[in-house]
C-alpha atoms as a PDB file:
ATOM      1  CA  MET A   1      21.635 -21.204 -14.011  1.00  0.00           C
ATOM      2  CA  PRO A   2      24.809 -20.903 -12.929  1.00  0.00           C
ATOM      3  CA  SER A   3      25.692 -19.825  -9.227  1.00  0.00           C
ATOM      4  CA  HIS A   4      26.320 -16.525  -8.112  1.00  0.00           C
ATOM      5  CA  GLY A   5      26.915 -16.760  -4.169  1.00  0.00           C
ATOM      6  CA  SER A   6      25.024 -14.954  -1.585  1.00  0.00           C
ATOM      7  CA  GLN A   7      22.768 -12.542  -3.521  1.00  0.00           C
ATOM      8  CA  SER A   8      21.267 -10.015  -1.648  1.00  0.00           C
ATOM      9  CA  ALA A   9      17.909  -7.583  -2.036  1.00  0.00           C
ATOM     10  CA  LEU A  10      16.062  -4.991  -0.407  1.00  0.00           C
ATOM     11  CA  GLY A  11      12.186  -4.975  -0.093  1.00  0.00           C
ATOM     12  CA  ALA A  12       9.574  -3.235   2.363  1.00  0.00           C
ATOM     13  CA  GLY A  13       5.996  -5.072   4.330  1.00  0.00           C
ATOM     14  CA  ILE A  14       4.555  -4.671   7.852  1.00  0.00           C
ATOM     15  CA  ARG A  15       4.126  -7.081   9.995  1.00  0.00           C
ATOM     16  CA  LEU A  16       1.594  -7.173  12.633  1.00  0.00           C
ATOM     17  CA  GLY A  17       0.234  -8.913  15.222  1.00  0.00           C
ATOM     18  CA  ALA A  18      -2.152  -8.939  18.793  1.00  0.00           C
ATOM     19  CA  LEU A  19      -2.775 -11.078  21.377  1.00  0.00           C
ATOM     20  CA  TRP A  20      -5.204 -11.107  23.868  1.00  0.00           C
ATOM     21  CA  GLN A  21      -6.405 -13.409  27.057  1.00  0.00           C
ATOM     22  CA  ALA A  22     -10.158 -13.508  25.834  1.00  0.00           C
ATOM     23  CA  THR A  23     -11.051 -15.393  29.024  1.00  0.00           C
ATOM     24  CA  PRO A  24      -9.283 -16.858  32.259  1.00  0.00           C
ATOM     25  CA  GLY A  25      -7.033 -19.796  30.376  1.00  0.00           C
ATOM     26  CA  LEU A  26      -7.630 -18.598  26.890  1.00  0.00           C
ATOM     27  CA  ASP A  27      -5.901 -16.938  25.067  1.00  0.00           C
ATOM     28  CA  LEU A  28      -6.381 -15.794  21.389  1.00  0.00           C
ATOM     29  CA  GLY A  29      -3.742 -14.343  18.967  1.00  0.00           C
ATOM     30  CA  VAL A  30      -3.388 -13.118  15.362  1.00  0.00           C
ATOM     31  CA  SER A  31      -0.019 -11.846  13.065  1.00  0.00           C
ATOM     32  CA  TYR A  32      -1.055 -10.251   9.757  1.00  0.00           C
ATOM     33  CA  LYS A  33       3.037  -9.591   7.064  1.00  0.00           C
ATOM     34  CA  SER A  34       1.840  -7.667   4.374  1.00  0.00           C
ATOM     35  CA  ARG A  35       2.996  -8.665   0.649  1.00  0.00           C
ATOM     36  CA  THR A  36       6.104  -7.246   0.448  1.00  0.00           C
ATOM     37  CA  ARG A  37       8.276  -6.395  -3.127  1.00  0.00           C
ATOM     38  CA  MET A  38      11.325  -6.968  -3.694  1.00  0.00           C
ATOM     39  CA  GLY A  39      14.128  -5.428  -5.685  1.00  0.00           C
ATOM     40  CA  ALA A  40      15.725  -7.567  -8.725  1.00  0.00           C
ATOM     41  CA  PHE A  41      19.140  -8.981  -7.602  1.00  0.00           C
ATOM     42  CA  SER A  42      21.761  -7.443  -9.648  1.00  0.00           C
ATOM     43  CA  GLY A  43      23.863 -10.907  -9.837  1.00  0.00           C
ATOM     44  CA  TYR A  44      21.178 -12.603 -12.141  1.00  0.00           C
ATOM     45  CA  LYS A  45      20.559  -9.232 -15.001  1.00  0.00           C
ATOM     46  CA  ASP A  46      22.790 -11.464 -17.220  1.00  0.00           C
ATOM     47  CA  GLU A  47      20.838 -14.445 -17.188  1.00  0.00           C
ATOM     48  CA  GLY A  48      17.399 -12.528 -18.102  1.00  0.00           C
ATOM     49  CA  MET A  49      16.164 -11.762 -15.110  1.00  0.00           C
ATOM     50  CA  PHE A  50      15.357  -7.762 -14.712  1.00  0.00           C
ATOM     51  CA  VAL A  51      12.108  -8.334 -12.609  1.00  0.00           C
ATOM     52  CA  GLY A  52      11.884  -8.111  -8.556  1.00  0.00           C
ATOM     53  CA  ILE A  53       9.930 -10.853  -6.917  1.00  0.00           C
ATOM     54  CA  TRP A  54       6.697 -10.370  -4.614  1.00  0.00           C
ATOM     55  CA  VAL A  55       6.539 -12.498  -1.396  1.00  0.00           C
ATOM     56  CA  PRO A  56       3.289 -13.367  -0.257  1.00  0.00           C
ATOM     57  CA  SER A  57       1.224 -12.131   2.851  1.00  0.00           C
ATOM     58  CA  ILE A  58       0.770 -14.043   5.029  1.00  0.00           C
ATOM     59  CA  LEU A  59      -2.365 -14.243   7.845  1.00  0.00           C
ATOM     60  CA  SER A  60      -1.674 -16.289  10.815  1.00  0.00           C
ATOM     61  CA  LEU A  61      -4.082 -17.033  13.851  1.00  0.00           C
ATOM     62  CA  GLY A  62      -3.480 -19.012  16.921  1.00  0.00           C
ATOM     63  CA  ALA A  63      -5.488 -20.070  20.591  1.00  0.00           C
ATOM     64  CA  LEU A  64      -3.879 -21.550  24.187  1.00  0.00           C
ATOM     65  CA  LEU A  65      -6.252 -22.931  25.816  1.00  0.00           C
ATOM     66  CA  GLU A  66      -4.568 -24.021  29.079  1.00  0.00           C
ATOM     67  CA  ALA A  67      -5.807 -26.747  31.700  1.00  0.00           C
ATOM     68  CA  ARG A  68      -7.349 -26.168  34.558  1.00  0.00           C
ATOM     69  CA  ARG A  69      -5.277 -28.243  37.742  1.00  0.00           C
END
C-alpha cells in the first residue's frame, strides 16, 4: 500500500473517570473510554478502504496503597 503522508479522520467517544480515598492510605480509581467510531481516511479510497474503523473501549482500575512511616 503506498504512503499517503499524514491523514486524519473524525471520531467521537467519551471518557469518564473517578478517584476516591477508600480509607486513609488507600486510594482507588476507575476510568472508562467508550468504543469510538472513526471516519474513513479520505486518502485511501483508491485502495478500497471506504469504511471507517472502530477503536475498542477500555476499562481501567487502579489502587494506591501508601506505606506508613
